[in-house]
Amino acid sequence: MKETRTGITAAAAAAALLLPLTACGGDASADGDGSTVTVTVGYQSRTINTVTAGTLLRSLGYFEKRLNALGDGRTYQVKWQDYATGAPITAQMTAGKIDIGSMGDFPLLINAARGKQLGKPTRLVSVTGYNLRGGLNTIVTAPGSRLTSLEGLKGKKVSTSVGSAADGTLVRALRRAGLDPAEDIEKLNQEPAVGASALSSGSADALSQFVAWPGLLAHQGKAKALYDGARLDLPTFHGVTAREDFAKRRPAVLEAFLKAQAQATDYLRSHPVTAAEKVAEATGLPAEAVYLYNGAQGIATFDPAIRPQLVSALKEDVAILKDAGLTGDVDVDAFVDDGYVKKALGPAEYAERLAAGPPEPAGEVWPEGARETLAFTSPTALLKHMAGHRDAVRAAYVPDATTGTRWFADRAVWVADGTALLPFVAPETAQAYLAGHGGARIITYDQALERAS
């Protein structure tokens, strides 16, 4: 079979979507008009950018409570099905076994294409978490790797999940660096956990993945950042998709889900530390890694509103998937339907949420045993606090001086520019800063602490 430009056959990609069809699952349409309705929700517990439609929502029980309050004489049962990626969710949806699912922007497009192809159309009905610059995807290498730029990946093995948003970041980043994603690297199509193991064992030289894998591996000391996806300055997000037949047949159920999602979003904003700990408990992820993405100043901004910038990004993503042989043309405008979430929230609240944007980047320190974090407007102020409280800090986060992507303070690349101390996620971003600022130089984290104290 002829290989696509991503290094995986188009036939294999299609098969990957069809294989999970035999998995267990319910079908909300199978209950007829009886008194018991089963609603099946597909989610990715460890893809923590989707927690307001998955892990956190499930733990809070908001969806079940709203279904019980419908008062239509029916009994509702929610089945939550957890997957590692979006592909099996799409397969189950097109088989009529999942009613509502959440996944990343590239899998959403594959979801749209497969639904149309099989006569089981789906619709994008809301957004979970997003980053307008693309900071949710990161390329990492092993801690001892000598790689410092994308150009160094030529001839190397890079693990990613083909068809995912992280794969899209890898393809775009390599092209900007002057490399051919199909010819200049050996791409390993692996699930995130497999790719993480490959990186640790040395069978992969780099790993391009989505939230929360890069931050998790960095926190564990098993990886270091090579490329910050926000350097692309292209939005990336995760969203909620629903089967069209389900949405038309059970509009009250979908509305209850979207209201519950908005409620979970507000909970995350009001209780970011508690929310991170709930997600950590449900997934086994360290709460510090969860908070990196989902915290008050996290990489992800959560809101169910479907922003025009995100729809535009989807349209740009189609070309990447077509080039990889994973989809044909996708009618994004037909796939996106913000009518459901607008109705659920009401016109005024929806407009208000659309008008709001991500918070201004700031540093945060999470003290040991604290239920709230401390915010810092400058990296130097955060470092000064850290220097005096090293043994009393659970985690510290700083925003990249160029992209705003936040990272663990002790894993960041630090630059001294006169009296200024500036953090960067990846060495390539730091080097780009040095090129335009004579006299600036890279220093260690300990040296940055010493300078700030």
Protein backbone atom coordinates (compact mmCIF):
# COMPACT_ATOMS: atom_id res chain seq x y z
CA MET A 1 0.00 0.00 0.00
CA LYS A 2 1.15 3.51 -0.75
CA GLU A 3 2.13 5.56 2.28
CA THR A 4 0.54 8.93 2.96
CA ARG A 5 2.72 11.94 3.71
CA THR A 6 2.35 11.34 7.45
CA GLY A 7 4.01 7.94 7.26
CA ILE A 8 0.83 5.89 7.82
CA THR A 9 -1.34 4.38 5.11
CA ALA A 10 -4.72 5.93 4.48
CA ALA A 11 -6.22 2.45 4.67
CA ALA A 12 -4.63 1.88 8.06
CA ALA A 13 -5.96 5.20 9.27
CA ALA A 14 -9.46 4.26 8.22
CA ALA A 15 -9.09 0.85 9.83
CA ALA A 16 -8.01 2.48 13.07
CA LEU A 17 -11.39 4.20 13.21
CA LEU A 18 -13.34 1.05 12.43
CA LEU A 19 -11.59 -1.41 14.76
CA PRO A 20 -13.19 -0.24 18.03
CA LEU A 21 -16.75 -0.78 16.77
CA THR A 22 -17.04 -4.00 18.73
CA ALA A 23 -16.39 -2.26 22.05
CA CYS A 24 -19.13 -2.20 24.65
CA GLY A 25 -21.50 0.73 24.63
CA GLY A 26 -25.07 1.85 24.86
CA ASP A 27 -27.37 3.35 22.26
CA ALA A 28 -29.70 6.12 23.36
CA SER A 29 -31.85 5.43 20.31
CA ALA A 30 -32.48 1.83 21.30
CA ASP A 31 -34.88 2.69 24.13
CA GLY A 32 -37.65 3.81 21.77
CA ASP A 33 -40.14 5.99 23.62
CA GLY A 34 -39.95 3.91 26.78
CA SER A 35 -39.59 5.18 30.29
CA THR A 36 -35.83 4.54 30.56
CA VAL A 37 -33.36 6.46 28.41
CA THR A 38 -29.66 5.58 28.32
CA VAL A 39 -27.28 8.36 27.26
CA THR A 40 -23.73 7.32 26.38
CA VAL A 41 -20.96 9.89 26.67
CA GLY A 42 -17.50 9.24 25.25
CA TYR A 43 -14.63 11.16 26.82
CA GLN A 44 -10.87 11.09 27.34
CA SER A 45 -10.15 11.26 31.06
CA ARG A 46 -6.44 11.99 30.64
CA THR A 47 -6.94 14.55 27.89
CA ILE A 48 -7.58 17.11 30.59
CA ASN A 49 -8.49 19.86 28.15
CA THR A 50 -11.89 18.12 27.93
CA VAL A 51 -12.63 17.81 31.67
CA THR A 52 -15.66 20.13 31.63
CA ALA A 53 -17.36 17.68 29.28
CA GLY A 54 -15.77 14.57 30.78
CA THR A 55 -13.72 13.86 33.89
CA LEU A 56 -14.69 16.87 36.01
CA LEU A 57 -18.29 16.90 34.79
CA ARG A 58 -18.61 13.23 35.65
CA SER A 59 -17.16 13.68 39.14
CA LEU A 60 -19.49 16.60 39.89
CA GLY A 61 -22.62 14.76 38.72
CA TYR A 62 -24.12 17.87 37.16
CA PHE A 63 -25.37 16.12 34.01
CA GLU A 64 -27.20 13.42 35.94
CA LYS A 65 -28.81 16.01 38.22
CA ARG A 66 -30.09 18.03 35.27
CA LEU A 67 -31.47 14.93 33.57
CA ASN A 68 -33.30 13.95 36.75
CA ALA A 69 -34.78 17.45 36.90
CA LEU A 70 -36.27 17.31 33.39
CA GLY A 71 -39.56 16.08 34.81
CA ASP A 72 -40.65 14.33 31.62
CA GLY A 73 -41.58 11.06 33.29
CA ARG A 74 -38.50 9.24 32.06
CA THR A 75 -35.65 7.69 33.99
CA TYR A 76 -32.20 8.60 32.65
CA GLN A 77 -29.05 6.55 32.89
CA VAL A 78 -25.68 8.00 31.84
CA LYS A 79 -22.93 5.67 30.63
CA TRP A 80 -19.47 7.24 30.63
CA GLN A 81 -16.96 5.57 28.30
CA ASP A 82 -13.30 6.52 28.65
CA TYR A 83 -10.81 6.40 25.76
CA ALA A 84 -7.19 7.43 25.19
CA THR A 85 -7.84 9.30 21.91
CA GLY A 86 -10.69 10.62 19.80
CA ALA A 87 -10.59 7.92 17.08
CA PRO A 88 -12.49 5.21 19.00
CA ILE A 89 -15.07 7.78 20.11
CA THR A 90 -15.72 8.62 16.47
CA ALA A 91 -15.98 4.93 15.60
CA GLN A 92 -18.52 4.37 18.36
CA MET A 93 -20.51 7.46 17.37
CA THR A 94 -20.82 6.42 13.74
CA ALA A 95 -21.96 3.00 14.96
CA GLY A 96 -24.70 4.68 17.01
CA LYS A 97 -23.13 3.55 20.29
CA ILE A 98 -22.04 6.95 21.64
CA ASP A 99 -24.36 9.95 21.66
CA ILE A 100 -22.05 12.75 22.83
CA GLY A 101 -18.25 12.82 22.63
CA SER A 102 -15.35 15.16 23.26
CA MET A 103 -12.08 15.31 21.34
CA GLY A 104 -9.46 17.64 19.84
CA ASP A 105 -9.76 19.81 16.77
CA PHE A 106 -8.13 17.43 14.28
CA PRO A 107 -10.13 14.39 15.52
CA LEU A 108 -13.25 16.57 15.36
CA LEU A 109 -12.69 17.02 11.63
CA ILE A 110 -12.21 13.27 11.17
CA ASN A 111 -15.40 12.83 13.18
CA ALA A 112 -17.22 15.14 10.77
CA ALA A 113 -15.81 13.40 7.71
CA ARG A 114 -16.56 9.87 8.92
CA GLY A 115 -20.06 10.82 10.01
CA LYS A 116 -20.87 12.23 6.61
CA GLN A 117 -19.23 9.33 4.77
CA LEU A 118 -21.24 6.73 6.69
CA GLY A 119 -24.51 8.65 6.65
CA LYS A 120 -24.30 9.26 10.41
CA PRO A 121 -23.63 13.02 10.57
CA THR A 122 -22.35 14.66 13.72
CA ARG A 123 -22.24 18.28 14.83
CA LEU A 124 -19.76 20.33 16.85
CA VAL A 125 -21.98 21.74 19.59
CA SER A 126 -19.58 23.34 22.09
CA VAL A 127 -15.95 23.92 23.05
CA THR A 128 -14.21 22.65 26.18
CA GLY A 129 -10.70 24.15 26.51
CA TYR A 130 -8.73 26.19 24.01
CA ASN A 131 -5.50 28.12 23.51
CA LEU A 132 -5.55 30.80 20.86
CA ARG A 133 -1.84 30.42 20.07
CA GLY A 134 -1.59 26.61 20.06
CA GLY A 135 0.17 26.12 23.40
CA LEU A 136 -1.75 22.94 24.24
CA ASN A 137 0.56 20.84 22.04
CA THR A 138 4.28 20.46 22.73
CA ILE A 139 7.19 18.54 21.23
CA VAL A 140 9.47 17.08 23.90
CA THR A 141 12.71 15.11 24.01
CA ALA A 142 14.40 12.95 26.64
CA PRO A 143 16.01 14.83 29.54
CA GLY A 144 19.54 13.97 28.38
CA SER A 145 18.92 14.70 24.70
CA ARG A 146 21.29 17.06 22.91
CA LEU A 147 18.53 18.23 20.58
CA THR A 148 17.88 21.96 20.89
CA SER A 149 15.93 22.75 17.71
CA LEU A 150 13.53 21.18 15.23
CA GLU A 151 16.26 21.08 12.58
CA GLY A 152 18.00 18.51 14.75
CA LEU A 153 15.11 16.09 14.22
CA LYS A 154 16.20 15.35 10.65
CA GLY A 155 16.69 11.62 10.35
CA LYS A 156 15.26 11.02 13.84
CA LYS A 157 12.29 9.01 15.10
CA VAL A 158 9.37 11.09 16.36
CA SER A 159 6.36 9.61 18.11
CA THR A 160 2.90 11.14 17.76
CA SER A 161 -0.73 10.09 17.34
CA VAL A 162 -1.44 10.44 13.63
CA GLY A 163 -4.55 12.50 12.98
CA SER A 164 -4.37 14.25 16.36
CA ALA A 165 -3.88 17.94 17.06
CA ALA A 166 -0.35 17.12 18.25
CA ASP A 167 0.38 15.54 14.88
CA GLY A 168 -0.86 18.69 13.21
CA THR A 169 1.50 20.76 15.35
CA LEU A 170 4.40 18.48 14.41
CA VAL A 171 3.66 18.72 10.69
CA ARG A 172 3.32 22.51 10.72
CA ALA A 173 6.35 23.05 12.94
CA LEU A 174 8.59 20.86 10.79
CA ARG A 175 7.50 22.61 7.62
CA ARG A 176 8.27 26.01 9.14
CA ALA A 177 11.68 24.68 10.07
CA GLY A 178 12.27 23.66 6.46
CA LEU A 179 11.80 19.93 6.99
CA ASP A 180 9.53 17.54 5.11
CA PRO A 181 7.37 15.68 7.68
CA ALA A 182 7.15 12.67 5.37
CA GLU A 183 10.76 12.43 4.24
CA ASP A 184 12.99 14.00 6.89
CA ILE A 185 11.80 12.15 10.00
CA GLU A 186 10.55 8.65 10.79
CA LYS A 187 7.11 9.16 12.26
CA LEU A 188 5.93 6.60 14.81
CA ASN A 189 2.13 6.43 15.02
CA GLN A 190 1.56 5.67 18.71
CA GLU A 191 -0.93 6.38 21.46
CA PRO A 192 0.37 8.90 24.01
CA ALA A 193 1.28 6.35 26.70
CA VAL A 194 3.13 4.17 24.17
CA GLY A 195 4.97 7.21 22.83
CA ALA A 196 5.98 8.24 26.33
CA SER A 197 7.45 4.77 26.91
CA ALA A 198 9.23 4.93 23.55
CA LEU A 199 10.82 8.23 24.53
CA SER A 200 11.96 6.83 27.87
CA SER A 201 13.41 3.69 26.28
CA GLY A 202 15.23 5.61 23.56
CA SER A 203 13.26 4.05 20.71
CA ALA A 204 11.91 7.54 19.92
CA ASP A 205 14.03 10.68 19.79
CA ALA A 206 11.13 13.05 20.35
CA LEU A 207 7.44 13.00 21.20
CA SER A 208 4.77 15.39 19.91
CA GLN A 209 1.65 15.15 22.05
CA PHE A 210 -1.37 16.98 23.38
CA VAL A 211 -2.33 17.94 26.91
CA ALA A 212 -1.47 16.60 29.47
CA TRP A 213 1.39 14.38 28.30
CA PRO A 214 4.16 16.94 27.68
CA GLY A 215 3.59 18.67 31.03
CA LEU A 216 3.23 15.35 32.83
CA LEU A 217 6.54 14.02 31.49
CA ALA A 218 8.30 17.31 32.22
CA HIS A 219 6.96 17.31 35.78
CA GLN A 220 8.17 13.73 36.26
CA GLY A 221 11.62 14.61 34.94
CA LYS A 222 11.13 12.23 32.00
CA ALA A 223 11.18 14.86 29.24
CA LYS A 224 12.12 18.41 28.40
CA ALA A 225 10.44 20.74 25.93
CA LEU A 226 11.91 21.08 22.45
CA TYR A 227 9.16 23.11 20.77
CA ASP A 228 6.30 25.18 22.18
CA GLY A 229 3.22 24.76 19.98
CA ALA A 230 2.29 28.40 20.63
CA ARG A 231 5.16 29.39 18.34
CA LEU A 232 2.78 28.55 15.48
CA ASP A 233 0.35 31.20 16.75
CA LEU A 234 -2.61 29.11 15.54
CA PRO A 235 -5.55 28.26 17.81
CA THR A 236 -5.98 24.74 19.09
CA PHE A 237 -8.90 23.42 21.09
CA HIS A 238 -11.06 20.49 22.14
CA GLY A 239 -14.79 20.37 21.68
CA VAL A 240 -18.01 18.44 22.09
CA THR A 241 -19.63 16.65 19.19
CA ALA A 242 -23.08 15.05 19.13
CA ARG A 243 -24.77 12.71 16.68
CA GLU A 244 -27.22 14.71 14.60
CA ASP A 245 -29.99 12.11 14.96
CA PHE A 246 -29.53 12.08 18.74
CA ALA A 247 -29.57 15.90 18.95
CA LYS A 248 -32.81 16.06 16.99
CA ARG A 249 -34.43 13.21 18.89
CA ARG A 250 -33.31 14.24 22.37
CA PRO A 251 -32.83 18.05 22.28
CA ALA A 252 -33.69 18.38 25.98
CA VAL A 253 -30.98 15.87 26.87
CA LEU A 254 -28.35 17.66 24.81
CA GLU A 255 -29.42 20.98 26.30
CA ALA A 256 -29.07 19.48 29.79
CA PHE A 257 -25.57 18.31 28.90
CA LEU A 258 -24.50 21.74 27.64
CA LYS A 259 -25.94 23.48 30.69
CA ALA A 260 -24.10 21.00 32.89
CA GLN A 261 -20.90 21.61 30.93
CA ALA A 262 -21.23 25.36 31.47
CA GLN A 263 -21.83 24.71 35.17
CA ALA A 264 -18.68 22.55 35.35
CA THR A 265 -16.76 25.29 33.54
CA ASP A 266 -17.83 27.84 36.13
CA TYR A 267 -16.86 25.44 38.91
CA LEU A 268 -13.38 25.02 37.42
CA ARG A 269 -12.94 28.79 37.27
CA SER A 270 -14.19 29.34 40.82
CA HIS A 271 -12.35 26.39 42.39
CA PRO A 272 -9.28 25.78 40.19
CA VAL A 273 -7.20 24.00 42.83
CA THR A 274 -10.06 21.75 43.97
CA ALA A 275 -10.98 21.01 40.35
CA ALA A 276 -7.38 20.02 39.59
CA GLU A 277 -7.33 17.71 42.58
CA LYS A 278 -10.65 16.11 41.53
CA VAL A 279 -9.28 15.44 38.06
CA ALA A 280 -6.04 14.12 39.53
CA GLU A 281 -7.95 11.75 41.77
CA ALA A 282 -10.05 10.45 38.88
CA THR A 283 -7.16 10.01 36.44
CA GLY A 284 -4.11 9.23 38.56
CA LEU A 285 -2.33 12.25 37.06
CA PRO A 286 -0.35 14.49 39.42
CA ALA A 287 -2.46 17.48 40.42
CA GLU A 288 0.53 19.73 39.66
CA ALA A 289 0.49 18.62 36.01
CA VAL A 290 -3.28 19.04 35.79
CA TYR A 291 -3.04 22.55 37.20
CA LEU A 292 -0.38 23.50 34.64
CA TYR A 293 -3.08 23.29 31.98
CA ASN A 294 -6.35 23.78 33.88
CA GLY A 295 -5.37 26.26 36.58
CA ALA A 296 -6.42 29.87 37.01
CA GLN A 297 -3.59 30.98 34.69
CA GLY A 298 -3.42 27.66 32.86
CA ILE A 299 -2.44 26.95 29.28
CA ALA A 300 -6.07 26.12 28.53
CA THR A 301 -8.95 28.56 28.75
CA PHE A 302 -12.28 26.85 29.29
CA ASP A 303 -15.55 28.06 27.82
CA PRO A 304 -18.32 26.29 25.86
CA ALA A 305 -18.84 29.17 23.41
CA ILE A 306 -17.75 28.40 19.83
CA ARG A 307 -15.43 31.27 18.96
CA PRO A 308 -15.01 32.41 15.35
CA GLN A 309 -11.20 32.06 15.69
CA LEU A 310 -11.63 28.38 16.47
CA VAL A 311 -13.91 27.78 13.51
CA SER A 312 -11.37 29.52 11.26
CA ALA A 313 -8.63 27.30 12.69
CA LEU A 314 -10.69 24.20 11.87
CA LYS A 315 -10.92 25.32 8.26
CA GLU A 316 -7.12 25.68 8.10
CA ASP A 317 -6.69 22.25 9.66
CA VAL A 318 -8.61 20.53 6.84
CA ALA A 319 -5.67 20.92 4.46
CA ILE A 320 -3.31 19.14 6.87
CA LEU A 321 -5.63 16.13 7.18
CA LYS A 322 -6.29 16.02 3.45
CA ASP A 323 -2.57 16.07 2.76
CA ALA A 324 -2.16 13.15 5.17
CA GLY A 325 -4.87 11.19 3.36
CA LEU A 326 -7.01 11.02 6.50
CA THR A 327 -10.00 12.97 5.15
CA GLY A 328 -11.34 14.53 2.00
CA ASP A 329 -13.02 17.91 1.99
CA VAL A 330 -14.87 18.77 5.19
CA ASP A 331 -17.71 21.29 5.21
CA VAL A 332 -16.77 22.99 8.48
CA ASP A 333 -19.66 25.45 8.36
CA ALA A 334 -22.15 22.58 8.11
CA PHE A 335 -20.41 20.66 10.91
CA VAL A 336 -20.35 23.56 13.39
CA ASP A 337 -23.72 24.26 15.02
CA ASP A 338 -23.64 26.77 17.87
CA GLY A 339 -27.45 26.86 18.06
CA TYR A 340 -27.60 24.21 20.79
CA VAL A 341 -25.17 25.92 23.16
CA LYS A 342 -26.70 29.35 22.46
CA LYS A 343 -30.10 28.00 23.45
CA ALA A 344 -28.68 26.28 26.54
CA LEU A 345 -26.92 29.42 27.81
CA GLY A 346 -29.29 32.06 26.50
CA PRO A 347 -28.33 34.82 24.03
CA ALA A 348 -27.09 37.31 26.65
CA GLU A 349 -24.84 34.86 28.51
CA TYR A 350 -23.53 33.40 25.28
CA ALA A 351 -22.56 36.86 24.01
CA GLU A 352 -20.91 37.63 27.34
CA ARG A 353 -18.83 34.47 27.21
CA LEU A 354 -17.78 35.17 23.63
CA ALA A 355 -16.63 38.65 24.62
CA ALA A 356 -14.48 37.33 27.45
CA GLY A 357 -11.00 36.13 26.63
CA PRO A 358 -8.06 34.34 28.21
CA PRO A 359 -6.60 35.87 31.38
CA GLU A 360 -3.42 37.90 31.13
CA PRO A 361 -0.36 35.66 31.58
CA ALA A 362 0.97 35.58 35.13
CA GLY A 363 3.11 33.39 37.31
CA GLU A 364 1.66 31.23 40.07
CA VAL A 365 3.04 29.49 43.11
CA TRP A 366 1.11 26.63 44.71
CA PRO A 367 2.21 26.47 48.37
CA GLU A 368 2.22 23.11 50.11
CA GLY A 369 -1.13 22.39 51.73
CA ALA A 370 -2.77 25.51 50.31
CA ARG A 371 -6.23 25.65 48.77
CA GLU A 372 -5.32 28.76 46.77
CA THR A 373 -2.29 29.78 44.74
CA LEU A 374 -0.25 32.98 44.84
CA ALA A 375 -0.12 35.09 41.67
CA PHE A 376 2.94 37.07 40.54
CA THR A 377 3.03 39.69 37.82
CA SER A 378 6.77 39.31 37.14
CA PRO A 379 9.08 36.28 36.90
CA THR A 380 11.61 37.99 39.16
CA ALA A 381 9.04 38.43 41.93
CA LEU A 382 8.06 34.77 41.64
CA LEU A 383 11.70 33.68 41.77
CA LYS A 384 12.33 35.84 44.82
CA HIS A 385 9.43 34.14 46.59
CA MET A 386 10.70 30.72 45.52
CA ALA A 387 14.19 31.45 46.80
CA GLY A 388 12.78 32.06 50.27
CA HIS A 389 10.26 29.21 50.33
CA ARG A 390 11.91 26.32 48.49
CA ASP A 391 10.71 23.67 50.93
CA ALA A 392 7.17 25.02 51.17
CA VAL A 393 6.18 25.05 47.50
CA ARG A 394 4.21 22.32 45.75
CA ALA A 395 4.67 23.77 42.25
CA ALA A 396 5.55 27.03 40.54
CA TYR A 397 4.46 28.12 37.07
CA VAL A 398 5.75 30.87 34.78
CA PRO A 399 4.51 32.14 31.39
CA ASP A 400 6.89 32.02 28.42
CA ALA A 401 8.19 35.55 27.84
CA THR A 402 7.35 35.34 24.12
CA THR A 403 4.34 33.06 23.70
CA GLY A 404 2.69 33.26 27.12
CA THR A 405 2.58 29.45 27.41
CA ARG A 406 3.13 28.61 31.02
CA TRP A 407 5.54 25.98 32.19
CA PHE A 408 7.02 24.69 35.41
CA ALA A 409 9.48 27.28 36.71
CA ASP A 410 12.15 24.68 37.44
CA ARG A 411 11.80 23.17 33.96
CA ALA A 412 11.84 26.44 32.02
CA VAL A 413 14.79 27.82 30.05
CA TRP A 414 15.88 30.99 31.86
CA VAL A 415 17.46 34.04 30.23
CA ALA A 416 19.18 36.93 31.98
CA ASP A 417 18.82 40.18 30.05
CA GLY A 418 20.40 42.88 32.18
CA THR A 419 18.40 42.81 35.41
CA ALA A 420 15.45 41.06 33.78
CA LEU A 421 14.96 37.32 34.30
CA LEU A 422 12.87 35.77 31.53
CA PRO A 423 11.46 32.22 31.28
CA PHE A 424 10.89 30.25 28.07
CA VAL A 425 9.29 26.86 27.51
CA ALA A 426 11.81 25.63 24.95
CA PRO A 427 15.45 26.37 24.06
CA GLU A 428 14.51 27.33 20.50
CA THR A 429 12.27 30.13 21.76
CA ALA A 430 14.99 31.33 24.11
CA GLN A 431 17.53 31.33 21.29
CA ALA A 432 15.18 33.39 19.12
CA TYR A 433 15.03 35.95 21.93
CA LEU A 434 18.82 35.98 22.34
CA ALA A 435 19.24 36.67 18.62
CA GLY A 436 17.47 39.99 19.01
CA HIS A 437 18.88 41.01 22.40
CA GLY A 438 22.62 41.45 22.54
CA GLY A 439 24.09 40.73 25.95
CA ALA A 440 21.28 38.42 27.02
CA ARG A 441 22.34 34.89 27.96
CA ILE A 442 20.88 31.59 29.11
CA ILE A 443 21.34 30.77 32.79
CA THR A 444 20.32 27.85 34.98
CA TYR A 445 17.26 27.85 37.23
CA ASP A 446 19.46 27.93 40.31
CA GLN A 447 21.32 30.92 38.91
CA ALA A 448 18.00 32.65 38.27
CA LEU A 449 16.94 32.01 41.87
CA GLU A 450 20.23 33.41 43.13
CA ARG A 451 19.92 36.54 41.00
CA ALA A 452 16.36 37.14 42.22
CA SER A 453 17.05 36.63 45.92
